[in-house]
Structure formats: C-alpha cells, structure tokens
C-alpha cells in the first residue's frame, strides 16, 4: 500500500491509500496485543505468583508515578499448602491485577492504589482499590476491560464485582475458587518473607 502511495499522482489518492495502510497497521498491533495478553508471564513459572505480582507492581508504580501498596497471602507461598495453584488460575490472578492497574493508569487519575490477593477458606479474593476519579457504574463498558475480566473469571467459576462513584474512586473485587496442581507437579519456589511491595512515587 505504501509503495502504491509513492506512485500515486493525486493527493486524494495518496491520502486514501495512507489511511488504509494505517488501519491495517493498527489491526496488526491490536492482534499482537491480544496474543501478548494471552501469554503466560515467565515470572510466574520462574518466581511464583507473589514475586511476579511484586515485579508488576514495581514496574507500574515506577512508570505511572503511582503509590501502590500490595498485600499477598497465598497458602502455598506461605507454607500452608503443598502444591501451587494450576497455571490457569495463577495467570488469571496476574492478568486481573494487570488489567485493573491498566484501567487505573488510563482512566482514574489516581495517586494511590491498594492491591490485595488473599487466599482463605477455599477462595482467592483479589481486590484493587484506587483513590481516583471514579465513574458511573451504568456507563462501564468494554473500554474499562470489564468484559474481558469477567470472561477470564467465569472460566474458573469465579465472580467479579466493582464499586465506583464519580469523585470517590473505584474498587474491583474478584473471587475465584481455589484449585491445586497434582502433587507430582509441585515445585516449591523459595519466597521472600515480606508480603507487601515497596511504596513508589
């Protein structure tokens, strides 16, 4: 298309070809983003859920200038269970936190975020709360990534709730039933004793 634009003699024809080329590039970028979203972060396999989340929090806090508090309490990583969660559950927890933080950065105009991932009584509960602008819940749409988040959770038999009001921030809460890997796949990863991420400005 770009080669054709170079050969075109009329400005209107050049503009039309360039517009089509830009649309094709954008479609390619969107497709690649979708593929990347589905990839399992290597840090989950190499480090475990809690360290992978801490790394995500640190990156987001540094690049977005946010203060982010993280609390992670998962049974395996705290020594209360013999096996890890299955890969699909670990990936879902990671991606939900990532998507929620992306929403905060893009839409909330927040200065502080609190992230908690707590396993208790057969459920992993994940919450992300920000002090940003909030929004009318009736106006929530695909732009906030909520549909994709609900689909991820539904595949694991979980549920998603959120609460937001203009000027009062937003809280997203996900609850996912706990499942575990078979014992033969258990590989304990040493986890640092701390359970909260650094605060970053």
Protein backbone atom coordinates (compact mmCIF):
# COMPACT_ATOMS: atom_id res chain seq x y z
CA UNK A 1 0.00 0.00 0.00
CA UNK A 2 2.79 2.40 0.90
CA UNK A 3 4.55 1.62 -2.36
CA UNK A 4 1.31 2.39 -4.17
CA UNK A 5 1.06 5.69 -2.33
CA UNK A 6 4.51 6.66 -3.59
CA UNK A 7 3.40 6.02 -7.17
CA UNK A 8 0.10 7.85 -6.82
CA UNK A 9 -0.03 11.23 -8.55
CA UNK A 10 -3.11 12.75 -6.90
CA UNK A 11 -3.07 13.87 -3.28
CA UNK A 12 -6.53 12.47 -2.66
CA UNK A 13 -5.40 9.05 -3.82
CA UNK A 14 -2.29 9.23 -1.61
CA UNK A 15 -4.39 10.15 1.43
CA UNK A 16 -6.81 7.29 0.79
CA UNK A 17 -4.02 4.72 0.47
CA UNK A 18 -2.22 6.01 3.58
CA UNK A 19 -5.44 5.84 5.59
CA UNK A 20 -5.92 2.21 4.57
CA UNK A 21 -2.32 1.38 5.40
CA UNK A 22 -2.64 2.94 8.86
CA UNK A 23 -5.81 0.93 9.50
CA UNK A 24 -4.00 -2.31 8.55
CA UNK A 25 -1.08 -1.46 10.83
CA UNK A 26 -3.46 -0.75 13.71
CA UNK A 27 -5.23 -4.06 13.17
CA UNK A 28 -1.85 -5.81 13.30
CA UNK A 29 -0.91 -4.00 16.51
CA UNK A 30 -4.25 -4.91 18.13
CA UNK A 31 -3.80 -8.56 17.11
CA UNK A 32 -0.30 -8.67 18.60
CA UNK A 33 -1.55 -7.10 21.83
CA UNK A 34 -4.20 -9.79 22.05
CA UNK A 35 -1.59 -12.51 21.61
CA UNK A 36 0.70 -10.97 24.21
CA UNK A 37 -2.18 -10.72 26.67
CA UNK A 38 -2.74 -14.47 26.40
CA UNK A 39 0.90 -15.35 27.01
CA UNK A 40 1.79 -16.62 30.44
CA UNK A 41 4.30 -14.27 32.10
CA UNK A 42 7.63 -16.07 32.54
CA UNK A 43 7.95 -14.64 36.05
CA UNK A 44 5.04 -16.82 37.20
CA UNK A 45 6.91 -20.01 36.37
CA UNK A 46 10.31 -18.75 37.47
CA UNK A 47 9.36 -16.94 40.69
CA UNK A 48 5.77 -17.74 41.68
CA UNK A 49 2.64 -15.61 41.92
CA UNK A 50 3.64 -13.26 44.75
CA UNK A 51 7.07 -12.27 43.35
CA UNK A 52 5.59 -11.88 39.86
CA UNK A 53 2.92 -9.55 41.25
CA UNK A 54 5.54 -7.55 43.15
CA UNK A 55 7.54 -7.09 39.95
CA UNK A 56 4.38 -5.95 38.13
CA UNK A 57 3.55 -3.51 40.93
CA UNK A 58 7.06 -2.08 40.99
CA UNK A 59 7.08 -1.54 37.21
CA UNK A 60 3.64 0.08 37.20
CA UNK A 61 4.42 2.32 40.17
CA UNK A 62 7.66 3.50 38.58
CA UNK A 63 6.32 4.14 35.08
CA UNK A 64 2.97 5.65 36.15
CA UNK A 65 4.15 7.62 39.19
CA UNK A 66 1.66 5.88 41.46
CA UNK A 67 1.93 4.85 45.09
CA UNK A 68 0.87 1.20 45.16
CA UNK A 69 0.52 -0.94 48.27
CA UNK A 70 0.48 -4.70 47.74
CA UNK A 71 -0.54 -7.45 50.13
CA UNK A 72 -0.27 -11.08 49.02
CA UNK A 73 -1.22 -14.03 51.22
CA UNK A 74 -1.36 -17.29 49.26
CA UNK A 75 -1.41 -20.65 51.01
CA UNK A 76 1.36 -22.36 49.02
CA UNK A 77 3.77 -19.45 49.20
CA UNK A 78 3.16 -19.08 52.92
CA UNK A 79 3.68 -22.81 53.55
CA UNK A 80 0.03 -23.65 54.28
CA UNK A 81 -0.39 -25.86 51.17
CA UNK A 82 1.79 -28.46 49.47
CA UNK A 83 1.08 -27.54 45.85
CA UNK A 84 0.67 -24.38 43.79
CA UNK A 85 -2.46 -23.24 42.02
CA UNK A 86 -2.80 -24.53 38.43
CA UNK A 87 -1.26 -22.32 35.72
CA UNK A 88 -4.62 -21.01 34.50
CA UNK A 89 -5.53 -19.74 37.97
CA UNK A 90 -2.13 -18.11 38.50
CA UNK A 91 -2.30 -16.46 35.08
CA UNK A 92 -5.82 -15.20 35.73
CA UNK A 93 -4.86 -13.62 39.05
CA UNK A 94 -1.85 -11.93 37.43
CA UNK A 95 -3.81 -10.68 34.41
CA UNK A 96 -6.69 -9.37 36.53
CA UNK A 97 -4.30 -7.29 38.62
CA UNK A 98 -2.57 -6.13 35.45
CA UNK A 99 -5.84 -5.16 33.76
CA UNK A 100 -7.13 -3.37 36.84
CA UNK A 101 -3.90 -1.36 37.14
CA UNK A 102 -4.04 -0.53 33.43
CA UNK A 103 -7.54 0.85 33.97
CA UNK A 104 -6.31 2.95 36.88
CA UNK A 105 -3.45 4.40 34.82
CA UNK A 106 -5.63 5.10 31.76
CA UNK A 107 -8.85 6.31 33.37
CA UNK A 108 -8.66 7.02 37.09
CA UNK A 109 -6.24 9.94 37.51
CA UNK A 110 -5.39 8.32 40.85
CA UNK A 111 -2.39 8.89 43.11
CA UNK A 112 -2.63 5.79 45.28
CA UNK A 113 -3.74 2.19 44.73
CA UNK A 114 -4.13 -0.72 47.12
CA UNK A 115 -3.87 -4.28 45.78
CA UNK A 116 -4.69 -7.34 47.89
CA UNK A 117 -4.58 -11.01 46.85
CA UNK A 118 -5.72 -13.17 49.77
CA UNK A 119 -6.40 -16.91 49.85
CA UNK A 120 -8.79 -18.05 52.56
CA UNK A 121 -11.43 -20.72 53.03
CA UNK A 122 -11.10 -22.19 49.54
CA UNK A 123 -11.21 -18.87 47.68
CA UNK A 124 -8.68 -16.45 46.27
CA UNK A 125 -10.04 -12.93 46.69
CA UNK A 126 -8.40 -10.18 44.68
CA UNK A 127 -9.16 -6.50 45.21
CA UNK A 128 -7.80 -3.35 43.59
CA UNK A 129 -8.84 0.00 45.07
CA UNK A 130 -7.83 3.43 43.81
CA UNK A 131 -8.46 6.99 45.00
CA UNK A 132 -9.13 8.30 41.51
CA UNK A 133 -11.96 9.99 39.67
CA UNK A 134 -14.35 7.04 39.66
CA UNK A 135 -17.17 6.65 37.15
CA UNK A 136 -20.85 5.97 36.83
CA UNK A 137 -21.22 2.20 37.02
CA UNK A 138 -24.04 2.28 34.47
CA UNK A 139 -21.57 3.74 31.97
CA UNK A 140 -18.97 0.97 32.41
CA UNK A 141 -18.11 -0.62 29.08
CA UNK A 142 -15.54 -2.65 27.22
CA UNK A 143 -13.27 0.38 27.45
CA UNK A 144 -12.63 -0.49 31.08
CA UNK A 145 -11.77 -4.10 30.23
CA UNK A 146 -14.53 -5.39 32.48
CA UNK A 147 -15.98 -7.78 29.91
CA UNK A 148 -12.64 -9.48 29.38
CA UNK A 149 -12.07 -9.67 33.14
CA UNK A 150 -15.49 -11.26 33.69
CA UNK A 151 -14.82 -13.81 30.95
CA UNK A 152 -11.49 -14.82 32.50
CA UNK A 153 -13.06 -15.28 35.92
CA UNK A 154 -16.14 -17.10 34.61
CA UNK A 155 -13.91 -19.76 33.02
CA UNK A 156 -12.68 -20.60 36.53
CA UNK A 157 -16.12 -20.46 38.17
CA UNK A 158 -15.45 -17.14 39.88
CA UNK A 159 -17.21 -13.79 40.04
CA UNK A 160 -16.34 -10.12 39.63
CA UNK A 161 -17.81 -7.11 41.41
CA UNK A 162 -16.90 -3.47 41.26
CA UNK A 163 -17.96 -0.31 43.02
CA UNK A 164 -17.33 3.20 41.77
CA UNK A 165 -18.76 6.68 42.09
CA UNK A 166 -17.62 9.88 40.41
CA UNK A 167 -15.01 11.53 42.62
CA UNK A 168 -14.87 8.60 45.07
CA UNK A 169 -12.50 6.13 43.41
CA UNK A 170 -13.07 2.57 42.26
CA UNK A 171 -12.81 -0.87 43.83
CA UNK A 172 -12.67 -4.06 41.77
CA UNK A 173 -13.11 -7.37 43.61
CA UNK A 174 -12.72 -10.85 42.13
CA UNK A 175 -13.35 -14.15 43.90
CA UNK A 176 -12.04 -17.38 42.41
CA UNK A 177 -12.48 -20.92 43.81
CA UNK A 178 -9.15 -22.48 44.76
CA UNK A 179 -7.77 -25.38 42.76
CA UNK A 180 -4.36 -27.01 43.09
CA UNK A 181 -1.88 -28.75 40.87
CA UNK A 182 -1.46 -32.52 41.23
CA UNK A 183 1.26 -33.38 43.77
CA UNK A 184 3.63 -34.68 41.08
CA UNK A 185 3.84 -31.14 39.66
CA UNK A 186 4.61 -29.49 42.99
CA UNK A 187 7.82 -27.49 42.87
CA UNK A 188 8.26 -25.19 45.79
CA UNK A 189 9.75 -21.83 44.92
CA UNK A 190 11.54 -20.00 47.73
CA UNK A 191 9.60 -16.83 48.52
CA UNK A 192 10.98 -13.83 50.39
CA UNK A 193 9.30 -13.38 53.78
CA UNK A 194 7.87 -9.95 53.11
CA UNK A 195 4.27 -9.80 51.92
CA UNK A 196 3.99 -6.16 50.92
CA UNK A 197 5.51 -4.37 47.96
CA UNK A 198 7.59 -1.24 48.25
CA UNK A 199 5.81 2.06 48.02
CA UNK A 200 6.81 4.03 44.97
CA UNK A 201 6.24 7.62 43.97
